[in-house]
C-alpha atoms as a PDB file:
ATOM      1  CA  UNK A   1     -35.459  -7.001 -50.673  1.00  0.00           C
ATOM      2  CA  UNK A   2     -31.874  -7.984 -49.870  1.00  0.00           C
ATOM      3  CA  UNK A   3     -29.669  -5.982 -47.475  1.00  0.00           C
ATOM      4  CA  UNK A   4     -26.149  -5.448 -48.773  1.00  0.00           C
ATOM      5  CA  UNK A   5     -22.927  -6.989 -47.549  1.00  0.00           C
ATOM      6  CA  UNK A   6     -22.382  -4.153 -45.081  1.00  0.00           C
ATOM      7  CA  UNK A   7     -24.663  -5.596 -42.427  1.00  0.00           C
ATOM      8  CA  UNK A   8     -23.325  -9.131 -42.937  1.00  0.00           C
ATOM      9  CA  UNK A   9     -19.756  -7.894 -42.510  1.00  0.00           C
ATOM     10  CA  UNK A  10     -20.793  -5.864 -39.492  1.00  0.00           C
ATOM     11  CA  UNK A  11     -22.495  -8.901 -37.963  1.00  0.00           C
ATOM     12  CA  UNK A  12     -19.405 -11.066 -38.540  1.00  0.00           C
ATOM     13  CA  UNK A  13     -17.104  -8.415 -37.080  1.00  0.00           C
ATOM     14  CA  UNK A  14     -19.372  -7.899 -34.104  1.00  0.00           C
ATOM     15  CA  UNK A  15     -19.525 -11.651 -33.458  1.00  0.00           C
ATOM     16  CA  UNK A  16     -15.723 -11.855 -33.517  1.00  0.00           C
ATOM     17  CA  UNK A  17     -15.338  -8.882 -31.208  1.00  0.00           C
ATOM     18  CA  UNK A  18     -17.962  -9.928 -28.678  1.00  0.00           C
ATOM     19  CA  UNK A  19     -16.554 -13.441 -28.495  1.00  0.00           C
ATOM     20  CA  UNK A  20     -12.869 -12.494 -28.620  1.00  0.00           C
ATOM     21  CA  UNK A  21     -12.851  -9.361 -26.504  1.00  0.00           C
ATOM     22  CA  UNK A  22     -15.474 -10.033 -23.871  1.00  0.00           C
ATOM     23  CA  UNK A  23     -16.534 -13.637 -24.416  1.00  0.00           C
ATOM     24  CA  UNK A  24     -20.215 -12.681 -24.286  1.00  0.00           C
ATOM     25  CA  UNK A  25     -21.250 -14.440 -27.501  1.00  0.00           C
ATOM     26  CA  UNK A  26     -23.682 -13.104 -30.041  1.00  0.00           C
ATOM     27  CA  UNK A  27     -26.977 -13.231 -28.162  1.00  0.00           C
ATOM     28  CA  UNK A  28     -27.096  -9.441 -28.345  1.00  0.00           C
ATOM     29  CA  UNK A  29     -27.562  -9.450 -32.107  1.00  0.00           C
ATOM     30  CA  UNK A  30     -30.906 -10.916 -33.280  1.00  0.00           C
ATOM     31  CA  UNK A  31     -30.855 -12.817 -36.568  1.00  0.00           C
ATOM     32  CA  UNK A  32     -33.547 -13.302 -39.150  1.00  0.00           C
ATOM     33  CA  UNK A  33     -34.883 -16.769 -39.764  1.00  0.00           C
ATOM     34  CA  UNK A  34     -33.638 -16.756 -43.341  1.00  0.00           C
ATOM     35  CA  UNK A  35     -30.124 -18.077 -43.880  1.00  0.00           C
ATOM     36  CA  UNK A  36     -29.272 -15.582 -46.638  1.00  0.00           C
ATOM     37  CA  UNK A  37     -30.086 -12.597 -44.397  1.00  0.00           C
ATOM     38  CA  UNK A  38     -32.861 -11.449 -46.765  1.00  0.00           C
ATOM     39  CA  UNK A  39     -35.363  -9.111 -45.164  1.00  0.00           C
ATOM     40  CA  UNK A  40     -38.897  -8.219 -45.983  1.00  0.00           C
ATOM     41  CA  UNK A  41     -39.879  -4.585 -46.479  1.00  0.00           C
ATOM     42  CA  UNK A  42     -41.378  -4.610 -42.975  1.00  0.00           C
ATOM     43  CA  UNK A  43     -38.083  -5.778 -41.439  1.00  0.00           C
ATOM     44  CA  UNK A  44     -35.913  -3.118 -43.116  1.00  0.00           C
ATOM     45  CA  UNK A  45     -36.387  -0.317 -40.503  1.00  0.00           C
ATOM     46  CA  UNK A  46     -35.460  -2.701 -37.678  1.00  0.00           C
ATOM     47  CA  UNK A  47     -32.433  -3.960 -39.668  1.00  0.00           C
ATOM     48  CA  UNK A  48     -31.245  -0.390 -40.233  1.00  0.00           C
ATOM     49  CA  UNK A  49     -31.566   0.319 -36.523  1.00  0.00           C
ATOM     50  CA  UNK A  50     -29.645  -2.888 -35.715  1.00  0.00           C
ATOM     51  CA  UNK A  51     -26.999  -1.886 -38.264  1.00  0.00           C
ATOM     52  CA  UNK A  52     -26.520   1.426 -36.408  1.00  0.00           C
ATOM     53  CA  UNK A  53     -26.339  -0.407 -33.074  1.00  0.00           C
ATOM     54  CA  UNK A  54     -23.800  -2.872 -34.468  1.00  0.00           C
ATOM     55  CA  UNK A  55     -21.666  -0.037 -35.857  1.00  0.00           C
ATOM     56  CA  UNK A  56     -21.687   1.648 -32.447  1.00  0.00           C
ATOM     57  CA  UNK A  57     -20.811  -1.651 -30.740  1.00  0.00           C
ATOM     58  CA  UNK A  58     -17.952  -2.308 -33.175  1.00  0.00           C
ATOM     59  CA  UNK A  59     -16.524   1.146 -32.513  1.00  0.00           C
ATOM     60  CA  UNK A  60     -16.856   0.664 -28.754  1.00  0.00           C
ATOM     61  CA  UNK A  61     -15.303  -2.804 -28.794  1.00  0.00           C
ATOM     62  CA  UNK A  62     -12.456  -1.692 -31.045  1.00  0.00           C
ATOM     63  CA  UNK A  63     -11.628   1.103 -28.589  1.00  0.00           C
ATOM     64  CA  UNK A  64     -11.779  -1.328 -25.663  1.00  0.00           C
ATOM     65  CA  UNK A  65      -9.547  -3.823 -27.439  1.00  0.00           C
ATOM     66  CA  UNK A  66      -6.984  -1.085 -28.115  1.00  0.00           C
ATOM     67  CA  UNK A  67      -7.120   0.056 -24.493  1.00  0.00           C
ATOM     68  CA  UNK A  68      -6.689  -3.542 -23.328  1.00  0.00           C
ATOM     69  CA  UNK A  69      -3.665  -3.984 -25.584  1.00  0.00           C
ATOM     70  CA  UNK A  70      -2.061  -0.754 -24.348  1.00  0.00           C
ATOM     71  CA  UNK A  71      -2.712  -1.442 -20.657  1.00  0.00           C
ATOM     72  CA  UNK A  72       0.463  -3.448 -19.873  1.00  0.00           C
ATOM     73  CA  UNK A  73       2.710  -0.770 -21.393  1.00  0.00           C
ATOM     74  CA  UNK A  74       0.838   2.019 -19.594  1.00  0.00           C
ATOM     75  CA  UNK A  75       1.033   0.180 -16.276  1.00  0.00           C
ATOM     76  CA  UNK A  76       4.761  -0.495 -16.734  1.00  0.00           C
ATOM     77  CA  UNK A  77       5.405   3.179 -17.522  1.00  0.00           C
ATOM     78  CA  UNK A  78       3.416   4.317 -14.503  1.00  0.00           C
ATOM     79  CA  UNK A  79       4.967   1.888 -12.029  1.00  0.00           C
ATOM     80  CA  UNK A  80       8.496   2.721 -13.166  1.00  0.00           C
ATOM     81  CA  UNK A  81       7.916   6.405 -12.372  1.00  0.00           C
ATOM     82  CA  UNK A  82       9.021   6.385  -8.717  1.00  0.00           C
ATOM     83  CA  UNK A  83       8.285  10.093  -8.352  1.00  0.00           C
ATOM     84  CA  UNK A  84       4.604   9.390  -9.008  1.00  0.00           C
ATOM     85  CA  UNK A  85       4.243   7.280  -5.888  1.00  0.00           C
ATOM     86  CA  UNK A  86       4.313   8.227  -2.252  1.00  0.00           C
ATOM     87  CA  UNK A  87       6.471   5.951  -0.160  1.00  0.00           C
ATOM     88  CA  UNK A  88       5.615   5.393   3.474  1.00  0.00           C
ATOM     89  CA  UNK A  89       7.498   3.521   6.182  1.00  0.00           C
ATOM     90  CA  UNK A  90       6.811   3.237   9.888  1.00  0.00           C
ATOM     91  CA  UNK A  91       8.687   1.892  12.857  1.00  0.00           C
ATOM     92  CA  UNK A  92       9.802   2.345  16.405  1.00  0.00           C
ATOM     93  CA  UNK A  93      13.028   2.433  18.370  1.00  0.00           C
ATOM     94  CA  UNK A  94      14.173   2.860  21.942  1.00  0.00           C
ATOM     95  CA  UNK A  95      16.417   5.843  22.658  1.00  0.00           C
ATOM     96  CA  UNK A  96      19.993   5.278  23.800  1.00  0.00           C
ATOM     97  CA  UNK A  97      21.573   8.743  24.328  1.00  0.00           C
ATOM     98  CA  UNK A  98      23.769   8.375  21.220  1.00  0.00           C
ATOM     99  CA  UNK A  99      24.846  11.322  19.099  1.00  0.00           C
ATOM    100  CA  UNK A 100      23.871  10.979  15.413  1.00  0.00           C
ATOM    101  CA  UNK A 101      22.141   7.621  15.828  1.00  0.00           C
ATOM    102  CA  UNK A 102      21.106   6.130  12.469  1.00  0.00           C
ATOM    103  CA  UNK A 103      17.571   4.783  12.183  1.00  0.00           C
ATOM    104  CA  UNK A 104      16.980   2.751   8.998  1.00  0.00           C
ATOM    105  CA  UNK A 105      13.786   3.867   7.247  1.00  0.00           C
ATOM    106  CA  UNK A 106      13.677   1.502   4.241  1.00  0.00           C
ATOM    107  CA  UNK A 107      12.314   4.003   1.711  1.00  0.00           C
ATOM    108  CA  UNK A 108      15.224   3.736  -0.699  1.00  0.00           C
ATOM    109  CA  UNK A 109      15.116   7.513  -1.176  1.00  0.00           C
ATOM    110  CA  UNK A 110      15.739  10.482   1.091  1.00  0.00           C
ATOM    111  CA  UNK A 111      12.505  10.957   3.045  1.00  0.00           C
ATOM    112  CA  UNK A 112      10.679  14.223   2.498  1.00  0.00           C
ATOM    113  CA  UNK A 113       9.693  14.207   6.142  1.00  0.00           C
ATOM    114  CA  UNK A 114       9.972  11.924   9.166  1.00  0.00           C
ATOM    115  CA  UNK A 115       7.537  12.432  12.042  1.00  0.00           C
ATOM    116  CA  UNK A 116       8.664  11.096  15.416  1.00  0.00           C
ATOM    117  CA  UNK A 117       6.553  10.809  18.560  1.00  0.00           C
ATOM    118  CA  UNK A 118       7.791  10.026  22.062  1.00  0.00           C
ATOM    119  CA  UNK A 119       5.730   7.420  23.873  1.00  0.00           C
ATOM    120  CA  UNK A 120       7.682   7.847  27.087  1.00  0.00           C
ATOM    121  CA  UNK A 121       8.429  10.699  29.471  1.00  0.00           C
ATOM    122  CA  UNK A 122       7.126  14.099  28.425  1.00  0.00           C
ATOM    123  CA  UNK A 123       4.969  14.579  25.366  1.00  0.00           C
ATOM    124  CA  UNK A 124       7.475  15.503  22.654  1.00  0.00           C
ATOM    125  CA  UNK A 125       7.223  15.189  18.908  1.00  0.00           C
ATOM    126  CA  UNK A 126       9.713  16.005  16.223  1.00  0.00           C
ATOM    127  CA  UNK A 127      10.040  16.200  12.477  1.00  0.00           C
ATOM    128  CA  UNK A 128      13.011  15.757  10.198  1.00  0.00           C
ATOM    129  CA  UNK A 129      12.666  17.513   6.850  1.00  0.00           C
ATOM    130  CA  UNK A 130      14.365  15.952   3.834  1.00  0.00           C
ATOM    131  CA  UNK A 131      18.118  16.352   3.641  1.00  0.00           C
ATOM    132  CA  UNK A 132      18.264  19.106   6.258  1.00  0.00           C
ATOM    133  CA  UNK A 133      20.103  17.728   9.266  1.00  0.00           C
ATOM    134  CA  UNK A 134      18.184  18.397  12.416  1.00  0.00           C
ATOM    135  CA  UNK A 135      15.151  17.473  14.426  1.00  0.00           C
ATOM    136  CA  UNK A 136      12.507  20.184  14.545  1.00  0.00           C
ATOM    137  CA  UNK A 137      10.781  19.577  17.864  1.00  0.00           C
ATOM    138  CA  UNK A 138       7.752  20.682  19.810  1.00  0.00           C
ATOM    139  CA  UNK A 139       7.865  20.269  23.572  1.00  0.00           C
ATOM    140  CA  UNK A 140       5.097  21.628  25.724  1.00  0.00           C
ATOM    141  CA  UNK A 141       4.992  25.276  24.607  1.00  0.00           C
ATOM    142  CA  UNK A 142       8.565  25.377  23.278  1.00  0.00           C
ATOM    143  CA  UNK A 143       9.825  24.496  19.863  1.00  0.00           C
ATOM    144  CA  UNK A 144      13.165  24.593  18.107  1.00  0.00           C
ATOM    145  CA  UNK A 145      15.750  22.509  16.294  1.00  0.00           C
ATOM    146  CA  UNK A 146      18.386  20.081  17.472  1.00  0.00           C
ATOM    147  CA  UNK A 147      21.117  19.619  14.849  1.00  0.00           C
ATOM    148  CA  UNK A 148      21.766  16.057  13.653  1.00  0.00           C
ATOM    149  CA  UNK A 149      23.266  14.334  10.607  1.00  0.00           C
ATOM    150  CA  UNK A 150      21.460  14.844   7.267  1.00  0.00           C
ATOM    151  CA  UNK A 151      19.006  12.095   6.297  1.00  0.00           C
ATOM    152  CA  UNK A 152      19.947   9.881   3.370  1.00  0.00           C
ATOM    153  CA  UNK A 153      18.330   7.163   1.240  1.00  0.00           C
ATOM    154  CA  UNK A 154      18.949   4.599   3.983  1.00  0.00           C
ATOM    155  CA  UNK A 155      18.695   6.338   7.376  1.00  0.00           C
ATOM    156  CA  UNK A 156      17.429   9.312   9.263  1.00  0.00           C
ATOM    157  CA  UNK A 157      19.430  10.462  12.269  1.00  0.00           C
ATOM    158  CA  UNK A 158      18.515  11.412  15.819  1.00  0.00           C
ATOM    159  CA  UNK A 159      20.479  12.383  18.910  1.00  0.00           C
ATOM    160  CA  UNK A 160      22.275  15.571  19.845  1.00  0.00           C
ATOM    161  CA  UNK A 161      24.414  15.603  23.014  1.00  0.00           C
ATOM    162  CA  UNK A 162      23.008  19.010  24.000  1.00  0.00           C
ATOM    163  CA  UNK A 163      19.528  17.544  24.560  1.00  0.00           C
ATOM    164  CA  UNK A 164      18.731  13.900  23.820  1.00  0.00           C
ATOM    165  CA  UNK A 165      15.053  14.197  24.734  1.00  0.00           C
ATOM    166  CA  UNK A 166      14.437  17.030  22.265  1.00  0.00           C
ATOM    167  CA  UNK A 167      16.587  15.396  19.585  1.00  0.00           C
ATOM    168  CA  UNK A 168      14.460  12.237  19.877  1.00  0.00           C
ATOM    169  CA  UNK A 169      17.011   9.831  21.346  1.00  0.00           C
ATOM    170  CA  UNK A 170      16.572   9.927  25.129  1.00  0.00           C
ATOM    171  CA  UNK A 171      17.813   6.738  26.803  1.00  0.00           C
ATOM    172  CA  UNK A 172      14.991   4.201  27.449  1.00  0.00           C
ATOM    173  CA  UNK A 173      12.327   6.374  25.783  1.00  0.00           C
ATOM    174  CA  UNK A 174      10.228   4.582  23.177  1.00  0.00           C
ATOM    175  CA  UNK A 175       9.679   6.443  19.902  1.00  0.00           C
ATOM    176  CA  UNK A 176       7.294   5.741  17.013  1.00  0.00           C
ATOM    177  CA  UNK A 177       7.981   7.231  13.579  1.00  0.00           C
ATOM    178  CA  UNK A 178       6.554   7.510  10.092  1.00  0.00           C
ATOM    179  CA  UNK A 179       8.728   8.423   7.089  1.00  0.00           C
ATOM    180  CA  UNK A 180       7.240   9.811   3.878  1.00  0.00           C
ATOM    181  CA  UNK A 181       9.141   9.862   0.621  1.00  0.00           C
END
């Protein structure tokens, strides 16, 4: 009995896909010893099962090939969406008792928050929230805000003449910061 062209076409397509898409060759697909792909009655059930497997493989490989072709465009779309990515920058500076001192953060956007920690003197930490000018501080059991210049896409600002320590710019104090955008 002779199996129709369907299995031969499926075999050829599968060979092309396995070699072209994944480079795994055709060892997966067993062949009969006869060059014309004729099968005996005893071989027909196994050939039908292989035909189903090949059809499934062709469908799977076709989907993979499409996904592979679309990947560069999908990656480009995703990476160009700056809002989809968190931006993080860190640094340190030494205070200098300056009002409205600019500290470059390097995010390229207005940070959503900047956390600042004093490594000198008393344990003080502060946070600057987005475009709202001011350092929200926590000192011992007190907290509050020291007004400063609004953050922008280049800098955040520290230092208020009323209280340099609480506005995160006390002379000679070392500060560490992390900016999130």
